[in-house]
Every structure is written in structure tokens, then in C-alpha cells.
PDB file of N, CA and C in Angstrom:
ATOM      1  N   UNK A   1     179.024-180.408  44.017  1.00  0.00           N
ATOM      2  CA  UNK A   1     180.042-181.293  43.488  1.00  0.00           C
ATOM      3  C   UNK A   1     180.436-180.901  42.061  1.00  0.00           C
ATOM      4  N   UNK A   2     179.442-180.729  41.187  1.00  0.00           N
ATOM      5  CA  UNK A   2     179.717-180.347  39.802  1.00  0.00           C
ATOM      6  C   UNK A   2     180.328-178.947  39.757  1.00  0.00           C
ATOM      7  N   UNK A   3     179.822-178.055  40.607  1.00  0.00           N
ATOM      8  CA  UNK A   3     180.345-176.686  40.640  1.00  0.00           C
ATOM      9  C   UNK A   3     181.808-176.669  41.077  1.00  0.00           C
ATOM     10  N   UNK A   4     182.155-177.476  42.045  1.00  0.00           N
ATOM     11  CA  UNK A   4     183.544-177.567  42.506  1.00  0.00           C
ATOM     12  C   UNK A   4     184.442-178.121  41.402  1.00  0.00           C
ATOM     13  N   UNK A   5     183.949-179.135  40.697  1.00  0.00           N
ATOM     14  CA  UNK A   5     184.718-179.703  39.587  1.00  0.00           C
ATOM     15  C   UNK A   5     184.941-178.666  38.493  1.00  0.00           C
ATOM     16  N   UNK A   6     183.907-177.884  38.176  1.00  0.00           N
ATOM     17  CA  UNK A   6     184.030-176.857  37.137  1.00  0.00           C
ATOM     18  C   UNK A   6     185.019-175.769  37.548  1.00  0.00           C
ATOM     19  N   UNK A   7     185.006-175.394  38.822  1.00  0.00           N
ATOM     20  CA  UNK A   7     185.962-174.392  39.300  1.00  0.00           C
ATOM     21  C   UNK A   7     187.388-174.933  39.219  1.00  0.00           C
ATOM     22  N   UNK A   8     187.557-176.192  39.577  1.00  0.00           N
ATOM     23  CA  UNK A   8     188.876-176.821  39.491  1.00  0.00           C
ATOM     24  C   UNK A   8     189.342-176.902  38.039  1.00  0.00           C
ATOM     25  N   UNK A   9     188.447-177.302  37.156  1.00  0.00           N
ATOM     26  CA  UNK A   9     188.768-177.387  35.737  1.00  0.00           C
ATOM     27  C   UNK A   9     189.132-176.014  35.171  1.00  0.00           C
ATOM     28  N   UNK A  10     188.406-174.979  35.582  1.00  0.00           N
ATOM     29  CA  UNK A  10     188.694-173.613  35.149  1.00  0.00           C
ATOM     30  C   UNK A  10     190.079-173.171  35.613  1.00  0.00           C
ATOM     31  N   UNK A  11     190.410-173.488  36.843  1.00  0.00           N
ATOM     32  CA  UNK A  11     191.725-173.128  37.388  1.00  0.00           C
ATOM     33  C   UNK A  11     192.843-173.851  36.646  1.00  0.00           C
ATOM     34  N   UNK A  12     192.644-175.140  36.390  1.00  0.00           N
ATOM     35  CA  UNK A  12     193.657-175.919  35.668  1.00  0.00           C
ATOM     36  C   UNK A  12     193.834-175.375  34.251  1.00  0.00           C
ATOM     37  N   UNK A  13     192.722-175.104  33.561  1.00  0.00           N
ATOM     38  CA  UNK A  13     192.791-174.557  32.205  1.00  0.00           C
ATOM     39  C   UNK A  13     193.516-173.216  32.194  1.00  0.00           C
ATOM     40  N   UNK A  14     193.186-172.354  33.142  1.00  0.00           N
ATOM     41  CA  UNK A  14     193.829-171.042  33.228  1.00  0.00           C
ATOM     42  C   UNK A  14     195.339-171.192  33.419  1.00  0.00           C
ATOM     43  N   UNK A  15     195.744-172.086  34.317  1.00  0.00           N
ATOM     44  CA  UNK A  15     197.177-172.284  34.579  1.00  0.00           C
ATOM     45  C   UNK A  15     197.903-172.884  33.376  1.00  0.00           C
ATOM     46  N   UNK A  16     197.277-173.834  32.701  1.00  0.00           N
ATOM     47  CA  UNK A  16     197.893-174.438  31.513  1.00  0.00           C
ATOM     48  C   UNK A  16     198.063-173.393  30.416  1.00  0.00           C
ATOM     49  N   UNK A  17     197.040-172.572  30.204  1.00  0.00           N
ATOM     50  CA  UNK A  17     197.127-171.524  29.182  1.00  0.00           C
ATOM     51  C   UNK A  17     198.206-170.508  29.543  1.00  0.00           C
ATOM     52  N   UNK A  18     198.302-170.149  30.812  1.00  0.00           N
ATOM     53  CA  UNK A  18     199.344-169.204  31.238  1.00  0.00           C
ATOM     54  C   UNK A  18     200.736-169.767  30.966  1.00  0.00           C
ATOM     55  N   UNK A  19     200.942-171.036  31.276  1.00  0.00           N
ATOM     56  CA  UNK A  19     202.248-171.665  31.044  1.00  0.00           C
ATOM     57  C   UNK A  19     202.556-171.724  29.550  1.00  0.00           C
ATOM     58  N   UNK A  20     201.588-172.147  28.752  1.00  0.00           N
ATOM     59  CA  UNK A  20     201.801-172.243  27.302  1.00  0.00           C
ATOM     60  C   UNK A  20     202.049-170.871  26.681  1.00  0.00           C
ATOM     61  N   UNK A  21     201.302-169.867  27.126  1.00  0.00           N
ATOM     62  CA  UNK A  21     201.493-168.506  26.628  1.00  0.00           C
ATOM     63  C   UNK A  21     202.884-167.999  26.970  1.00  0.00           C
ATOM     64  N   UNK A  22     203.304-168.226  28.190  1.00  0.00           N
ATOM     65  CA  UNK A  22     204.639-167.796  28.607  1.00  0.00           C
ATOM     66  C   UNK A  22     205.713-168.501  27.786  1.00  0.00           C
ATOM     67  N   UNK A  23     205.541-169.793  27.538  1.00  0.00           N
ATOM     68  CA  UNK A  23     206.507-170.535  26.725  1.00  0.00           C
ATOM     69  C   UNK A  23     206.577-169.999  25.300  1.00  0.00           C
ATOM     70  N   UNK A  24     205.413-169.741  24.689  1.00  0.00           N
ATOM     71  CA  UNK A  24     205.407-169.207  23.329  1.00  0.00           C
ATOM     72  C   UNK A  24     206.092-167.849  23.260  1.00  0.00           C
ATOM     73  N   UNK A  25     205.810-166.985  24.224  1.00  0.00           N
ATOM     74  CA  UNK A  25     206.452-165.676  24.227  1.00  0.00           C
ATOM     75  C   UNK A  25     207.949-165.805  24.488  1.00  0.00           C
ATOM     76  N   UNK A  26     208.340-166.742  25.336  1.00  0.00           N
ATOM     77  CA  UNK A  26     209.759-166.983  25.589  1.00  0.00           C
ATOM     78  C   UNK A  26     210.458-167.471  24.318  1.00  0.00           C
ATOM     79  N   UNK A  27     209.808-168.384  23.581  1.00  0.00           N
ATOM     80  CA  UNK A  27     210.383-168.854  22.319  1.00  0.00           C
ATOM     81  C   UNK A  27     210.558-167.693  21.342  1.00  0.00           C
ATOM     82  N   UNK A  28     209.581-166.790  21.308  1.00  0.00           N
ATOM     83  CA  UNK A  28     209.698-165.613  20.449  1.00  0.00           C
ATOM     84  C   UNK A  28     210.896-164.759  20.817  1.00  0.00           C
ATOM     85  N   UNK A  29     211.112-164.583  22.109  1.00  0.00           N
ATOM     86  CA  UNK A  29     212.260-163.800  22.575  1.00  0.00           C
ATOM     87  C   UNK A  29     213.566-164.499  22.201  1.00  0.00           C
ATOM     88  N   UNK A  30     213.616-165.817  22.382  1.00  0.00           N
ATOM     89  CA  UNK A  30     214.825-166.582  22.047  1.00  0.00           C
ATOM     90  C   UNK A  30     215.133-166.466  20.553  1.00  0.00           C
ATOM     91  N   UNK A  31     214.114-166.625  19.715  1.00  0.00           N
ATOM     92  CA  UNK A  31     214.315-166.521  18.265  1.00  0.00           C
ATOM     93  C   UNK A  31     214.821-165.130  17.903  1.00  0.00           C
ATOM     94  N   UNK A  32     214.211-164.111  18.474  1.00  0.00           N
ATOM     95  CA  UNK A  32     214.618-162.738  18.168  1.00  0.00           C
ATOM     96  C   UNK A  32     216.052-162.467  18.608  1.00  0.00           C
ATOM     97  N   UNK A  33     216.405-162.882  19.809  1.00  0.00           N
ATOM     98  CA  UNK A  33     217.763-162.643  20.306  1.00  0.00           C
ATOM     99  C   UNK A  33     218.798-163.445  19.514  1.00  0.00           C
ATOM    100  N   UNK A  34     218.490-164.692  19.192  1.00  0.00           N
ATOM    101  CA  UNK A  34     219.429-165.510  18.416  1.00  0.00           C
ATOM    102  C   UNK A  34     219.652-164.905  17.032  1.00  0.00           C
ATOM    103  N   UNK A  35     218.571-164.450  16.409  1.00  0.00           N
ATOM    104  CA  UNK A  35     218.691-163.833  15.092  1.00  0.00           C
ATOM    105  C   UNK A  35     219.490-162.539  15.165  1.00  0.00           C
ATOM    106  N   UNK A  36     219.202-161.726  16.165  1.00  0.00           N
ATOM    107  CA  UNK A  36     219.920-160.458  16.309  1.00  0.00           C
ATOM    108  C   UNK A  36     221.407-160.693  16.551  1.00  0.00           C
ATOM    109  N   UNK A  37     221.735-161.646  17.406  1.00  0.00           N
ATOM    110  CA  UNK A  37     223.145-161.943  17.675  1.00  0.00           C
ATOM    111  C   UNK A  37     223.851-162.488  16.434  1.00  0.00           C
ATOM    112  N   UNK A  38     223.169-163.356  15.696  1.00  0.00           N
ATOM    113  CA  UNK A  38     223.752-163.904  14.466  1.00  0.00           C
ATOM    114  C   UNK A  38     224.006-162.796  13.449  1.00  0.00           C
ATOM    115  N   UNK A  39     223.036-161.921  13.275  1.00  0.00           N
ATOM    116  CA  UNK A  39     223.192-160.826  12.316  1.00  0.00           C
ATOM    117  C   UNK A  39     224.267-159.844  12.774  1.00  0.00           C
ATOM    118  N   UNK A  40     224.345-159.598  14.063  1.00  0.00           N
ATOM    119  CA  UNK A  40     225.390-158.719  14.583  1.00  0.00           C
ATOM    120  C   UNK A  40     226.767-159.330  14.339  1.00  0.00           C
ATOM    121  N   UNK A  41     226.884-160.631  14.539  1.00  0.00           N
ATOM    122  CA  UNK A  41     228.149-161.324  14.276  1.00  0.00           C
ATOM    123  C   UNK A  41     228.540-161.185  12.802  1.00  0.00           C
ATOM    124  N   UNK A  42     227.583-161.404  11.891  1.00  0.00           N
ATOM    125  CA  UNK A  42     227.875-161.261  10.464  1.00  0.00           C
ATOM    126  C   UNK A  42     228.233-159.819  10.115  1.00  0.00           C
ATOM    127  N   UNK A  43     227.587-158.868  10.774  1.00  0.00           N
ATOM    128  CA  UNK A  43     227.900-157.457  10.535  1.00  0.00           C
ATOM    129  C   UNK A  43     229.328-157.145  10.974  1.00  0.00           C
ATOM    130  N   UNK A  44     229.748-157.686  12.117  1.00  0.00           N
ATOM    131  CA  UNK A  44     231.122-157.485  12.580  1.00  0.00           C
ATOM    132  C   UNK A  44     232.135-158.105  11.619  1.00  0.00           C
ATOM    133  N   UNK A  45     231.784-159.230  11.024  1.00  0.00           N
ATOM    134  CA  UNK A  45     232.670-159.912  10.080  1.00  0.00           C
ATOM    135  C   UNK A  45     232.583-159.311   8.673  1.00  0.00           C
ATOM    136  N   UNK A  46     231.790-158.260   8.520  1.00  0.00           N
ATOM    137  CA  UNK A  46     231.596-157.577   7.224  1.00  0.00           C
ATOM    138  C   UNK A  46     230.953-158.484   6.177  1.00  0.00           C
ATOM    139  N   UNK A  47     230.229-159.480   6.622  1.00  0.00           N
ATOM    140  CA  UNK A  47     229.500-160.371   5.729  1.00  0.00           C
ATOM    141  C   UNK A  47     228.038-159.929   5.727  1.00  0.00           C
ATOM    142  N   UNK A  48     227.761-158.812   5.058  1.00  0.00           N
ATOM    143  CA  UNK A  48     226.434-158.190   5.133  1.00  0.00           C
ATOM    144  C   UNK A  48     225.580-158.477   3.904  1.00  0.00           C
ATOM    145  N   UNK A  49     225.891-159.535   3.183  1.00  0.00           N
ATOM    146  CA  UNK A  49     225.186-159.814   1.939  1.00  0.00           C
ATOM    147  C   UNK A  49     223.676-159.994   2.152  1.00  0.00           C
ATOM    148  N   UNK A  50     223.272-160.841   3.057  1.00  0.00           N
ATOM    149  CA  UNK A  50     221.844-161.109   3.292  1.00  0.00           C
ATOM    150  C   UNK A  50     221.434-160.766   4.715  1.00  0.00           C
ATOM    151  N   UNK A  51     222.128-159.853   5.343  1.00  0.00           N
ATOM    152  CA  UNK A  51     221.884-159.584   6.761  1.00  0.00           C
ATOM    153  C   UNK A  51     220.484-159.017   7.004  1.00  0.00           C
ATOM    154  N   UNK A  52     220.024-158.123   6.140  1.00  0.00           N
ATOM    155  CA  UNK A  52     218.681-157.548   6.317  1.00  0.00           C
ATOM    156  C   UNK A  52     217.605-158.605   6.138  1.00  0.00           C
ATOM    157  N   UNK A  53     217.797-159.469   5.164  1.00  0.00           N
ATOM    158  CA  UNK A  53     216.830-160.535   4.907  1.00  0.00           C
ATOM    159  C   UNK A  53     216.777-161.519   6.075  1.00  0.00           C
ATOM    160  N   UNK A  54     217.938-161.913   6.585  1.00  0.00           N
ATOM    161  CA  UNK A  54     217.980-162.829   7.730  1.00  0.00           C
ATOM    162  C   UNK A  54     217.330-162.209   8.962  1.00  0.00           C
ATOM    163  N   UNK A  55     217.620-160.943   9.199  1.00  0.00           N
ATOM    164  CA  UNK A  55     217.041-160.261  10.360  1.00  0.00           C
ATOM    165  C   UNK A  55     215.524-160.144  10.227  1.00  0.00           C
ATOM    166  N   UNK A  56     215.054-159.792   9.045  1.00  0.00           N
ATOM    167  CA  UNK A  56     213.607-159.669   8.828  1.00  0.00           C
ATOM    168  C   UNK A  56     212.907-161.014   9.008  1.00  0.00           C
ATOM    169  N   UNK A  57     213.513-162.078   8.516  1.00  0.00           N
ATOM    170  CA  UNK A  57     212.907-163.406   8.671  1.00  0.00           C
ATOM    171  C   UNK A  57     212.869-163.828  10.137  1.00  0.00           C
ATOM    172  N   UNK A  58     213.911-163.507  10.888  1.00  0.00           N
ATOM    173  CA  UNK A  58     213.926-163.825  12.316  1.00  0.00           C
ATOM    174  C   UNK A  58     212.881-163.041  13.086  1.00  0.00           C
ATOM    175  N   UNK A  59     212.739-161.759  12.740  1.00  0.00           N
ATOM    176  CA  UNK A  59     211.723-160.930  13.401  1.00  0.00           C
ATOM    177  C   UNK A  59     210.329-161.462  13.088  1.00  0.00           C
ATOM    178  N   UNK A  60     210.106-161.847  11.835  1.00  0.00           N
ATOM    179  CA  UNK A  60     208.793-162.384  11.451  1.00  0.00           C
ATOM    180  C   UNK A  60     208.478-163.663  12.222  1.00  0.00           C
ATOM    181  N   UNK A  61     209.454-164.542  12.353  1.00  0.00           N
ATOM    182  CA  UNK A  61     209.228-165.786  13.096  1.00  0.00           C
ATOM    183  C   UNK A  61     208.966-165.507  14.573  1.00  0.00           C
ATOM    184  N   UNK A  62     209.720-164.581  15.151  1.00  0.00           N
ATOM    185  CA  UNK A  62     209.510-164.222  16.558  1.00  0.00           C
ATOM    186  C   UNK A  62     208.111-163.646  16.761  1.00  0.00           C
ATOM    187  N   UNK A  63     207.664-162.804  15.828  1.00  0.00           N
ATOM    188  CA  UNK A  63     206.313-162.244  15.934  1.00  0.00           C
ATOM    189  C   UNK A  63     205.247-163.328  15.839  1.00  0.00           C
ATOM    190  N   UNK A  64     205.483-164.351  15.038  1.00  0.00           N
ATOM    191  CA  UNK A  64     204.523-165.453  14.933  1.00  0.00           C
ATOM    192  C   UNK A  64     204.375-166.174  16.272  1.00  0.00           C
ATOM    193  N   UNK A  65     205.494-166.418  16.949  1.00  0.00           N
ATOM    194  CA  UNK A  65     205.423-167.041  18.274  1.00  0.00           C
ATOM    195  C   UNK A  65     204.665-166.144  19.252  1.00  0.00           C
ATOM    196  N   UNK A  66     204.985-164.846  19.247  1.00  0.00           N
ATOM    197  CA  UNK A  66     204.338-163.923  20.177  1.00  0.00           C
ATOM    198  C   UNK A  66     202.842-163.822  19.871  1.00  0.00           C
ATOM    199  N   UNK A  67     202.484-163.809  18.586  1.00  0.00           N
ATOM    200  CA  UNK A  67     201.075-163.731  18.224  1.00  0.00           C
ATOM    201  C   UNK A  67     200.345-165.010  18.625  1.00  0.00           C
ATOM    202  N   UNK A  68     201.001-166.143  18.507  1.00  0.00           N
ATOM    203  CA  UNK A  68     200.404-167.402  18.960  1.00  0.00           C
ATOM    204  C   UNK A  68     200.082-167.362  20.445  1.00  0.00           C
ATOM    205  N   UNK A  69     200.970-166.767  21.225  1.00  0.00           N
ATOM    206  CA  UNK A  69     200.715-166.610  22.658  1.00  0.00           C
ATOM    207  C   UNK A  69     199.513-165.728  22.932  1.00  0.00           C
ATOM    208  N   UNK A  70     199.385-164.656  22.163  1.00  0.00           N
ATOM    209  CA  UNK A  70     198.240-163.756  22.352  1.00  0.00           C
ATOM    210  C   UNK A  70     196.928-164.438  21.972  1.00  0.00           C
ATOM    211  N   UNK A  71     196.938-165.191  20.890  1.00  0.00           N
ATOM    212  CA  UNK A  71     195.722-165.909  20.486  1.00  0.00           C
ATOM    213  C   UNK A  71     195.332-166.921  21.554  1.00  0.00           C
ATOM    214  N   UNK A  72     196.306-167.632  22.082  1.00  0.00           N
ATOM    215  CA  UNK A  72     196.035-168.606  23.144  1.00  0.00           C
ATOM    216  C   UNK A  72     195.487-167.919  24.392  1.00  0.00           C
ATOM    217  N   UNK A  73     195.967-166.735  24.674  1.00  0.00           N
ATOM    218  CA  UNK A  73     195.515-165.993  25.854  1.00  0.00           C
ATOM    219  C   UNK A  73     194.028-165.630  25.760  1.00  0.00           C
ATOM    220  N   UNK A  74     193.487-165.534  24.543  1.00  0.00           N
ATOM    221  CA  UNK A  74     192.066-165.199  24.403  1.00  0.00           C
ATOM    222  C   UNK A  74     191.162-166.283  24.979  1.00  0.00           C
ATOM    223  N   UNK A  75     191.696-167.493  25.169  1.00  0.00           N
ATOM    224  CA  UNK A  75     190.898-168.601  25.714  1.00  0.00           C
ATOM    225  C   UNK A  75     190.454-168.307  27.140  1.00  0.00           C
ATOM    226  N   UNK A  76     191.272-167.609  27.909  1.00  0.00           N
ATOM    227  CA  UNK A  76     190.978-167.405  29.327  1.00  0.00           C
ATOM    228  C   UNK A  76     190.594-165.965  29.664  1.00  0.00           C
ATOM    229  N   UNK A  77     190.237-165.178  28.660  1.00  0.00           N
ATOM    230  CA  UNK A  77     189.836-163.794  28.918  1.00  0.00           C
ATOM    231  C   UNK A  77     188.525-163.788  29.689  1.00  0.00           C
ATOM    232  N   UNK A  78     188.449-162.931  30.685  1.00  0.00           N
ATOM    233  CA  UNK A  78     187.259-162.898  31.543  1.00  0.00           C
ATOM    234  C   UNK A  78     186.405-161.646  31.333  1.00  0.00           C
ATOM    235  N   UNK A  79     186.960-160.606  30.711  1.00  0.00           N
ATOM    236  CA  UNK A  79     186.214-159.360  30.529  1.00  0.00           C
ATOM    237  C   UNK A  79     186.329-158.891  29.085  1.00  0.00           C
ATOM    238  N   UNK A  80     185.308-158.130  28.646  1.00  0.00           N
ATOM    239  CA  UNK A  80     185.291-157.613  27.283  1.00  0.00           C
ATOM    240  C   UNK A  80     186.422-156.616  27.042  1.00  0.00           C
ATOM    241  N   UNK A  81     186.754-155.817  28.037  1.00  0.00           N
ATOM    242  CA  UNK A  81     187.824-154.829  27.875  1.00  0.00           C
ATOM    243  C   UNK A  81     189.157-155.530  27.623  1.00  0.00           C
ATOM    244  N   UNK A  82     189.393-156.598  28.352  1.00  0.00           N
ATOM    245  CA  UNK A  82     190.627-157.366  28.167  1.00  0.00           C
ATOM    246  C   UNK A  82     190.665-158.011  26.782  1.00  0.00           C
ATOM    247  N   UNK A  83     189.510-158.487  26.313  1.00  0.00           N
ATOM    248  CA  UNK A  83     189.431-159.067  24.980  1.00  0.00           C
ATOM    249  C   UNK A  83     189.721-158.012  23.914  1.00  0.00           C
ATOM    250  N   UNK A  84     189.232-156.797  24.119  1.00  0.00           N
ATOM    251  CA  UNK A  84     189.503-155.703  23.180  1.00  0.00           C
ATOM    252  C   UNK A  84     190.984-155.372  23.103  1.00  0.00           C
ATOM    253  N   UNK A  85     191.632-155.338  24.251  1.00  0.00           N
ATOM    254  CA  UNK A  85     193.074-155.059  24.286  1.00  0.00           C
ATOM    255  C   UNK A  85     193.845-156.171  23.575  1.00  0.00           C
ATOM    256  N   UNK A  86     193.488-157.420  23.863  1.00  0.00           N
ATOM    257  CA  UNK A  86     194.153-158.544  23.197  1.00  0.00           C
ATOM    258  C   UNK A  86     193.919-158.509  21.693  1.00  0.00           C
ATOM    259  N   UNK A  87     192.701-158.172  21.294  1.00  0.00           N
ATOM    260  CA  UNK A  87     192.397-158.065  19.864  1.00  0.00           C
ATOM    261  C   UNK A  87     193.244-157.004  19.184  1.00  0.00           C
ATOM    262  N   UNK A  88     193.407-155.864  19.850  1.00  0.00           N
ATOM    263  CA  UNK A  88     194.230-154.790  19.287  1.00  0.00           C
ATOM    264  C   UNK A  88     195.689-155.225  19.169  1.00  0.00           C
ATOM    265  N   UNK A  89     196.187-155.917  20.175  1.00  0.00           N
ATOM    266  CA  UNK A  89     197.573-156.407  20.132  1.00  0.00           C
ATOM    267  C   UNK A  89     197.751-157.398  18.988  1.00  0.00           C
ATOM    268  N   UNK A  90     196.789-158.292  18.818  1.00  0.00           N
ATOM    269  CA  UNK A  90     196.874-159.276  17.740  1.00  0.00           C
ATOM    270  C   UNK A  90     196.860-158.587  16.383  1.00  0.00           C
ATOM    271  N   UNK A  91     195.993-157.592  16.215  1.00  0.00           N
ATOM    272  CA  UNK A  91     195.924-156.861  14.944  1.00  0.00           C
ATOM    273  C   UNK A  91     197.239-156.140  14.665  1.00  0.00           C
ATOM    274  N   UNK A  92     197.802-155.471  15.670  1.00  0.00           N
ATOM    275  CA  UNK A  92     199.074-154.767  15.481  1.00  0.00           C
ATOM    276  C   UNK A  92     200.197-155.734  15.115  1.00  0.00           C
ATOM    277  N   UNK A  93     200.262-156.855  15.796  1.00  0.00           N
ATOM    278  CA  UNK A  93     201.314-157.829  15.488  1.00  0.00           C
ATOM    279  C   UNK A  93     201.107-158.441  14.108  1.00  0.00           C
ATOM    280  N   UNK A  94     199.863-158.660  13.724  1.00  0.00           N
ATOM    281  CA  UNK A  94     199.588-159.190  12.384  1.00  0.00           C
ATOM    282  C   UNK A  94     200.003-158.184  11.316  1.00  0.00           C
ATOM    283  N   UNK A  95     199.731-156.900  11.556  1.00  0.00           N
ATOM    284  CA  UNK A  95     200.150-155.867  10.605  1.00  0.00           C
ATOM    285  C   UNK A  95     201.671-155.810  10.501  1.00  0.00           C
ATOM    286  N   UNK A  96     202.357-155.889  11.629  1.00  0.00           N
ATOM    287  CA  UNK A  96     203.823-155.904  11.612  1.00  0.00           C
ATOM    288  C   UNK A  96     204.349-157.114  10.843  1.00  0.00           C
ATOM    289  N   UNK A  97     203.747-158.262  11.076  1.00  0.00           N
ATOM    290  CA  UNK A  97     204.164-159.473  10.372  1.00  0.00           C
ATOM    291  C   UNK A  97     203.948-159.322   8.872  1.00  0.00           C
ATOM    292  N   UNK A  98     202.807-158.765   8.483  1.00  0.00           N
ATOM    293  CA  UNK A  98     202.525-158.537   7.065  1.00  0.00           C
ATOM    294  C   UNK A  98     203.558-157.602   6.451  1.00  0.00           C
ATOM    295  N   UNK A  99     203.872-156.507   7.132  1.00  0.00           N
ATOM    296  CA  UNK A  99     204.860-155.561   6.612  1.00  0.00           C
ATOM    297  C   UNK A  99     206.245-156.193   6.503  1.00  0.00           C
ATOM    298  N   UNK A 100     206.608-156.990   7.474  1.00  0.00           N
ATOM    299  CA  UNK A 100     207.918-157.645   7.428  1.00  0.00           C
ATOM    300  C   UNK A 100     207.972-158.655   6.286  1.00  0.00           C
ATOM    301  N   UNK A 101     206.893-159.417   6.087  1.00  0.00           N
ATOM    302  CA  UNK A 101     206.872-160.366   4.973  1.00  0.00           C
ATOM    303  C   UNK A 101     206.934-159.633   3.635  1.00  0.00           C
ATOM    304  N   UNK A 102     206.284-158.483   3.541  1.00  0.00           N
ATOM    305  CA  UNK A 102     206.344-157.669   2.330  1.00  0.00           C
ATOM    306  C   UNK A 102     207.775-157.188   2.090  1.00  0.00           C
ATOM    307  N   UNK A 103     208.447-156.758   3.152  1.00  0.00           N
ATOM    308  CA  UNK A 103     209.835-156.315   3.033  1.00  0.00           C
ATOM    309  C   UNK A 103     210.745-157.479   2.637  1.00  0.00           C
ATOM    310  N   UNK A 104     210.498-158.660   3.188  1.00  0.00           N
ATOM    311  CA  UNK A 104     211.289-159.841   2.826  1.00  0.00           C
ATOM    312  C   UNK A 104     211.129-160.142   1.340  1.00  0.00           C
ATOM    313  N   UNK A 105     209.884-160.084   0.858  1.00  0.00           N
ATOM    314  CA  UNK A 105     209.630-160.354  -0.552  1.00  0.00           C
ATOM    315  C   UNK A 105     210.362-159.348  -1.438  1.00  0.00           C
ATOM    316  N   UNK A 106     210.323-158.076  -1.072  1.00  0.00           N
ATOM    317  CA  UNK A 106     211.012-157.053  -1.856  1.00  0.00           C
ATOM    318  C   UNK A 106     212.524-157.205  -1.773  1.00  0.00           C
ATOM    319  N   UNK A 107     213.025-157.589  -0.618  1.00  0.00           N
ATOM    320  CA  UNK A 107     214.469-157.789  -0.450  1.00  0.00           C
ATOM    321  C   UNK A 107     214.948-158.959  -1.308  1.00  0.00           C
ATOM    322  N   UNK A 108     214.137-160.013  -1.399  1.00  0.00           N
ATOM    323  CA  UNK A 108     214.513-161.159  -2.234  1.00  0.00           C
ATOM    324  C   UNK A 108     214.533-160.775  -3.707  1.00  0.00           C
ATOM    325  N   UNK A 109     213.614-159.893  -4.125  1.00  0.00           N
ATOM    326  CA  UNK A 109     213.603-159.440  -5.516  1.00  0.00           C
ATOM    327  C   UNK A 109     214.862-158.650  -5.844  1.00  0.00           C
ATOM    328  N   UNK A 110     215.324-157.843  -4.887  1.00  0.00           N
ATOM    329  CA  UNK A 110     216.506-157.021  -5.111  1.00  0.00           C
ATOM    330  C   UNK A 110     217.783-157.844  -5.131  1.00  0.00           C
ATOM    331  N   UNK A 111     217.783-158.976  -4.443  1.00  0.00           N
ATOM    332  CA  UNK A 111     219.008-159.799  -4.352  1.00  0.00           C
ATOM    333  C   UNK A 111     219.309-160.529  -5.626  1.00  0.00           C
TER     334      UNK A 111
END
């Protein structure tokens, strides 16, 4: 009885995490596409004053959503190899986020 309940709870947790992870990654994609389209529109209108800064901020926000999904995915990892891959992805995305924030800071100084 307890074993069946634990298996059911594990399945429910796995499904909830999968749905939440997918939603977070989807939000990241939406943010990235909306930012890219907005910046492209401003580029077409020749209003390029802060276009790099806006694009960098949108990319940074999208990466935060995607990284949140990866962190959440670590809850349901079943093997060490999978955890290693997720850890590497999180580190790479964190490095990208750091570099983008550094570029944003430098871009604001130049403006």
C-alpha cells in the first residue's frame, strides 16, 4: 500500500515538474522572440539608439527562464550522468547570463 502510494506520488511529481519545466522554457522562448521582434522593428524604423541594450536585456531574461527550467529539472533526475549534463547546461547558461549582464553594464556606461 505505501509502496503504491510512493510510486503514484513519484509519477505525479515527475509530471508536475515536466509541465512546469516546459512552461518555463516556453516563457523563455516567448520573451526571446518578443524581444527580437521588437528590436527588429526598431531597427527597420532606424531607431537604433538603445537596440543593443534592449536585445541584451531580453536575452538575459530569456536565459533566466530557461535556467529556472533546468534547475527545476534537477528535482526528477534519476541518474548521475543526467545530473552531470544538467549541471553543465546550468553552468553554461549562468556564464552566458553573466557575460550578457556585463555587456549590459558596459553598454549603459557608454550611453
